[in-house]
Amino acid sequence: MLPAFRVAAVTDPDAHELLSEYFAMRAAGFDPAAGSYHAVFPDPARFTEPAGVFLVVDDAGSPIGCGGIRMLDAHRAEVKHLYLRDAVRGRGWGRMLLAELERRARELGATQAVLDTNIALEAAGSLYRASGYVEIEPYNDNPNATLWFCKEFARER
């Protein structure tokens, strides 16, 4: 069975629980030499159309992941908080979630997606590279990030 994607507010109980797990996972794996991890819960307005969208991933009715898109300007979207619970990793669902977020970003007018991540998140970096993202210079000052990526979307003909 494939996962289902549903739009949710970042304040939705399932979304909040998943984001809390995501931030705890990030903090636990953060390199102490880089300082401390700074968890910032997303601003709901930034993940509500037309400014963006937040998705909860369901498997047989149970929330198992999340991710969001927020528009940085009229044509550039940022992928944020892509997370799947351990029990469902390795099934290709992260790639499906990323593709769904990209589809929704294009619907919001994006011609490009950017994201930041940390070098410690090796699986995430591999997913982004395999999905056509290329490393770029930092586009923000996120203290938790060590890598920045960009993907240009193909123009519709």
C-alpha atoms as a PDB file:
ATOM      1  CA  MET A   1       0.000   0.000   0.000  1.00  0.00           C
ATOM      2  CA  LEU A   2       1.301   3.468  -0.889  1.00  0.00           C
ATOM      3  CA  PRO A   3       1.248   6.383   1.526  1.00  0.00           C
ATOM      4  CA  ALA A   4      -1.391   9.109   1.323  1.00  0.00           C
ATOM      5  CA  PHE A   5      -0.557  12.797   1.486  1.00  0.00           C
ATOM      6  CA  ARG A   6      -2.905  15.198   3.222  1.00  0.00           C
ATOM      7  CA  VAL A   7      -2.685  18.924   3.682  1.00  0.00           C
ATOM      8  CA  ALA A   8      -2.480  19.862   7.342  1.00  0.00           C
ATOM      9  CA  ALA A   9      -1.781  22.954   9.360  1.00  0.00           C
ATOM     10  CA  VAL A  10       1.564  22.794  11.145  1.00  0.00           C
ATOM     11  CA  THR A  11      -0.506  23.157  14.328  1.00  0.00           C
ATOM     12  CA  ASP A  12      -2.534  20.004  13.528  1.00  0.00           C
ATOM     13  CA  PRO A  13      -1.915  17.464  16.342  1.00  0.00           C
ATOM     14  CA  ASP A  14      -0.411  14.880  13.951  1.00  0.00           C
ATOM     15  CA  ALA A  15       1.812  17.489  12.290  1.00  0.00           C
ATOM     16  CA  HIS A  16       2.935  18.854  15.654  1.00  0.00           C
ATOM     17  CA  GLU A  17       3.790  15.358  16.926  1.00  0.00           C
ATOM     18  CA  LEU A  18       5.781  14.552  13.777  1.00  0.00           C
ATOM     19  CA  LEU A  19       7.611  17.886  13.865  1.00  0.00           C
ATOM     20  CA  SER A  20       8.462  17.315  17.548  1.00  0.00           C
ATOM     21  CA  GLU A  21       9.940  13.901  16.662  1.00  0.00           C
ATOM     22  CA  TYR A  22      11.841  15.437  13.751  1.00  0.00           C
ATOM     23  CA  PHE A  23      13.352  18.174  15.917  1.00  0.00           C
ATOM     24  CA  ALA A  24      14.285  15.652  18.649  1.00  0.00           C
ATOM     25  CA  MET A  25      15.965  13.425  16.047  1.00  0.00           C
ATOM     26  CA  ARG A  26      17.880  16.392  14.634  1.00  0.00           C
ATOM     27  CA  ALA A  27      18.993  17.540  18.097  1.00  0.00           C
ATOM     28  CA  ALA A  28      20.155  14.023  19.058  1.00  0.00           C
ATOM     29  CA  GLY A  29      22.312  13.739  15.935  1.00  0.00           C
ATOM     30  CA  PHE A  30      23.676  17.272  15.946  1.00  0.00           C
ATOM     31  CA  ASP A  31      27.453  17.624  16.153  1.00  0.00           C
ATOM     32  CA  PRO A  32      28.237  19.199  19.551  1.00  0.00           C
ATOM     33  CA  ALA A  33      31.292  20.867  17.987  1.00  0.00           C
ATOM     34  CA  ALA A  34      28.849  22.917  15.882  1.00  0.00           C
ATOM     35  CA  GLY A  35      27.066  24.213  18.967  1.00  0.00           C
ATOM     36  CA  SER A  36      23.535  23.271  19.867  1.00  0.00           C
ATOM     37  CA  TYR A  37      20.621  22.510  17.598  1.00  0.00           C
ATOM     38  CA  HIS A  38      18.023  25.284  17.372  1.00  0.00           C
ATOM     39  CA  ALA A  39      14.495  23.933  16.895  1.00  0.00           C
ATOM     40  CA  VAL A  40      12.033  26.474  15.557  1.00  0.00           C
ATOM     41  CA  PHE A  41       8.463  25.357  14.971  1.00  0.00           C
ATOM     42  CA  PRO A  42       7.226  26.645  11.628  1.00  0.00           C
ATOM     43  CA  ASP A  43       5.038  29.721  11.321  1.00  0.00           C
ATOM     44  CA  PRO A  44       1.606  28.392  10.274  1.00  0.00           C
ATOM     45  CA  ALA A  45       1.059  31.305   7.868  1.00  0.00           C
ATOM     46  CA  ARG A  46       4.199  30.362   5.892  1.00  0.00           C
ATOM     47  CA  PHE A  47       2.806  26.862   5.230  1.00  0.00           C
ATOM     48  CA  THR A  48      -0.726  27.831   4.225  1.00  0.00           C
ATOM     49  CA  GLU A  49      -1.636  28.473   0.583  1.00  0.00           C
ATOM     50  CA  PRO A  50      -0.709  30.594  -1.275  1.00  0.00           C
ATOM     51  CA  ALA A  51       2.424  31.074   0.883  1.00  0.00           C
ATOM     52  CA  GLY A  52       3.115  27.353   1.082  1.00  0.00           C
ATOM     53  CA  VAL A  53       1.717  23.987   2.065  1.00  0.00           C
ATOM     54  CA  PHE A  54       2.390  21.390   4.753  1.00  0.00           C
ATOM     55  CA  LEU A  55       1.712  17.699   4.237  1.00  0.00           C
ATOM     56  CA  VAL A  56       1.253  14.826   6.650  1.00  0.00           C
ATOM     57  CA  VAL A  57       2.016  11.383   5.241  1.00  0.00           C
ATOM     58  CA  ASP A  58      -0.404   8.650   6.280  1.00  0.00           C
ATOM     59  CA  ASP A  59       0.011   4.884   6.043  1.00  0.00           C
ATOM     60  CA  ALA A  60      -3.235   2.985   6.573  1.00  0.00           C
ATOM     61  CA  GLY A  61      -4.621   5.992   8.451  1.00  0.00           C
ATOM     62  CA  SER A  62      -1.625   6.468  10.737  1.00  0.00           C
ATOM     63  CA  PRO A  63       0.630   9.532  10.443  1.00  0.00           C
ATOM     64  CA  ILE A  64       4.160   8.422   9.544  1.00  0.00           C
ATOM     65  CA  GLY A  65       5.826  11.522   8.098  1.00  0.00           C
ATOM     66  CA  CYS A  66       5.601  15.138   7.056  1.00  0.00           C
ATOM     67  CA  GLY A  67       7.140  17.884   4.990  1.00  0.00           C
ATOM     68  CA  GLY A  68       6.423  21.348   3.765  1.00  0.00           C
ATOM     69  CA  ILE A  69       6.988  23.905   1.055  1.00  0.00           C
ATOM     70  CA  ARG A  70       7.126  27.621   1.672  1.00  0.00           C
ATOM     71  CA  MET A  71       7.503  30.207  -1.044  1.00  0.00           C
ATOM     72  CA  LEU A  72      10.532  32.447  -0.576  1.00  0.00           C
ATOM     73  CA  ASP A  73       9.515  34.649  -3.489  1.00  0.00           C
ATOM     74  CA  ALA A  74       7.220  34.388  -6.519  1.00  0.00           C
ATOM     75  CA  HIS A  75       9.294  31.647  -8.189  1.00  0.00           C
ATOM     76  CA  ARG A  76      11.429  30.024  -5.489  1.00  0.00           C
ATOM     77  CA  ALA A  77      10.107  27.467  -3.003  1.00  0.00           C
ATOM     78  CA  GLU A  78      11.909  26.055  -0.001  1.00  0.00           C
ATOM     79  CA  VAL A  79      11.538  22.427   1.102  1.00  0.00           C
ATOM     80  CA  LYS A  80      11.314  22.181   4.892  1.00  0.00           C
ATOM     81  CA  HIS A  81      11.018  19.508   7.588  1.00  0.00           C
ATOM     82  CA  LEU A  82      11.028  16.406   5.371  1.00  0.00           C
ATOM     83  CA  TYR A  83      10.665  13.552   7.866  1.00  0.00           C
ATOM     84  CA  LEU A  84       9.601   9.915   7.930  1.00  0.00           C
ATOM     85  CA  ARG A  85       9.432   7.702  10.981  1.00  0.00           C
ATOM     86  CA  ASP A  86      12.112   5.009  11.192  1.00  0.00           C
ATOM     87  CA  ALA A  87       9.615   2.167  10.667  1.00  0.00           C
ATOM     88  CA  VAL A  88       8.827   3.300   7.105  1.00  0.00           C
ATOM     89  CA  ARG A  89      12.231   4.434   5.909  1.00  0.00           C
ATOM     90  CA  GLY A  90      13.818   2.591   3.003  1.00  0.00           C
ATOM     91  CA  ARG A  91      10.558   2.149   1.065  1.00  0.00           C
ATOM     92  CA  GLY A  92      11.063   5.060  -1.320  1.00  0.00           C
ATOM     93  CA  TRP A  93       8.422   7.123   0.445  1.00  0.00           C
ATOM     94  CA  GLY A  94      10.827   9.980   1.111  1.00  0.00           C
ATOM     95  CA  ARG A  95      11.344  10.297  -2.636  1.00  0.00           C
ATOM     96  CA  MET A  96       7.544  10.226  -3.145  1.00  0.00           C
ATOM     97  CA  LEU A  97       7.038  12.898  -0.489  1.00  0.00           C
ATOM     98  CA  LEU A  98       9.716  15.093  -2.025  1.00  0.00           C
ATOM     99  CA  ALA A  99       8.150  14.680  -5.484  1.00  0.00           C
ATOM    100  CA  GLU A 100       4.725  15.600  -4.095  1.00  0.00           C
ATOM    101  CA  LEU A 101       6.150  18.695  -2.401  1.00  0.00           C
ATOM    102  CA  GLU A 102       7.823  19.704  -5.669  1.00  0.00           C
ATOM    103  CA  ARG A 103       4.543  19.209  -7.550  1.00  0.00           C
ATOM    104  CA  ARG A 104       2.744  21.443  -5.101  1.00  0.00           C
ATOM    105  CA  ALA A 105       5.525  24.035  -5.284  1.00  0.00           C
ATOM    106  CA  ARG A 106       5.094  24.183  -9.066  1.00  0.00           C
ATOM    107  CA  GLU A 107       1.337  24.650  -8.553  1.00  0.00           C
ATOM    108  CA  LEU A 108       2.181  27.644  -6.356  1.00  0.00           C
ATOM    109  CA  GLY A 109       4.269  29.107  -9.197  1.00  0.00           C
ATOM    110  CA  ALA A 110       7.756  27.893  -8.275  1.00  0.00           C
ATOM    111  CA  THR A 111      10.298  27.308 -11.023  1.00  0.00           C
ATOM    112  CA  GLN A 112      12.997  26.386  -8.505  1.00  0.00           C
ATOM    113  CA  ALA A 113      13.233  24.639  -5.138  1.00  0.00           C
ATOM    114  CA  VAL A 114      15.927  25.167  -2.550  1.00  0.00           C
ATOM    115  CA  LEU A 115      16.622  23.477   0.748  1.00  0.00           C
ATOM    116  CA  ASP A 116      19.194  23.270   3.468  1.00  0.00           C
ATOM    117  CA  THR A 117      20.337  20.257   5.434  1.00  0.00           C
ATOM    118  CA  ASN A 118      23.158  19.072   7.618  1.00  0.00           C
ATOM    119  CA  ILE A 119      26.048  16.885   6.475  1.00  0.00           C
ATOM    120  CA  ALA A 120      25.202  14.453   9.308  1.00  0.00           C
ATOM    121  CA  LEU A 121      21.911  13.626   7.529  1.00  0.00           C
ATOM    122  CA  GLU A 122      23.583  11.419   4.934  1.00  0.00           C
ATOM    123  CA  ALA A 123      20.385   9.735   3.724  1.00  0.00           C
ATOM    124  CA  ALA A 124      18.762  13.130   3.174  1.00  0.00           C
ATOM    125  CA  GLY A 125      21.741  14.392   1.186  1.00  0.00           C
ATOM    126  CA  SER A 126      21.672  11.234  -0.943  1.00  0.00           C
ATOM    127  CA  LEU A 127      17.935  11.626  -1.562  1.00  0.00           C
ATOM    128  CA  TYR A 128      18.322  15.239  -2.652  1.00  0.00           C
ATOM    129  CA  ARG A 129      21.220  14.493  -4.990  1.00  0.00           C
ATOM    130  CA  ALA A 130      19.396  11.498  -6.505  1.00  0.00           C
ATOM    131  CA  SER A 131      16.332  13.730  -7.015  1.00  0.00           C
ATOM    132  CA  GLY A 132      18.245  16.269  -9.103  1.00  0.00           C
ATOM    133  CA  TYR A 133      19.318  18.774  -6.461  1.00  0.00           C
ATOM    134  CA  VAL A 134      22.773  20.313  -6.746  1.00  0.00           C
ATOM    135  CA  GLU A 135      24.832  21.916  -4.007  1.00  0.00           C
ATOM    136  CA  ILE A 136      24.835  25.713  -3.954  1.00  0.00           C
ATOM    137  CA  GLU A 137      26.259  28.481  -1.829  1.00  0.00           C
ATOM    138  CA  PRO A 138      24.251  29.233   1.336  1.00  0.00           C
ATOM    139  CA  TYR A 139      21.038  31.150   0.626  1.00  0.00           C
ATOM    140  CA  ASN A 140      20.156  31.615   4.304  1.00  0.00           C
ATOM    141  CA  ASP A 141      21.803  31.820   7.702  1.00  0.00           C
ATOM    142  CA  ASN A 142      20.315  28.662   9.231  1.00  0.00           C
ATOM    143  CA  PRO A 143      22.703  27.768  12.096  1.00  0.00           C
ATOM    144  CA  ASN A 144      21.714  24.081  11.801  1.00  0.00           C
ATOM    145  CA  ALA A 145      22.642  23.788   8.108  1.00  0.00           C
ATOM    146  CA  THR A 146      25.946  22.798   6.573  1.00  0.00           C
ATOM    147  CA  LEU A 147      24.725  22.043   3.027  1.00  0.00           C
ATOM    148  CA  TRP A 148      22.428  23.975   0.679  1.00  0.00           C
ATOM    149  CA  PHE A 149      20.790  22.594  -2.474  1.00  0.00           C
ATOM    150  CA  CYS A 150      18.812  23.841  -5.469  1.00  0.00           C
ATOM    151  CA  LYS A 151      16.712  22.199  -8.184  1.00  0.00           C
ATOM    152  CA  GLU A 152      15.419  23.945 -11.287  1.00  0.00           C
ATOM    153  CA  PHE A 153      12.047  22.680 -12.455  1.00  0.00           C
ATOM    154  CA  ALA A 154      11.621  21.897 -16.124  1.00  0.00           C
ATOM    155  CA  ARG A 155       9.377  24.391 -17.872  1.00  0.00           C
ATOM    156  CA  GLU A 156       6.011  23.080 -19.052  1.00  0.00           C
ATOM    157  CA  ARG A 157       5.748  23.081 -22.832  1.00  0.00           C
END
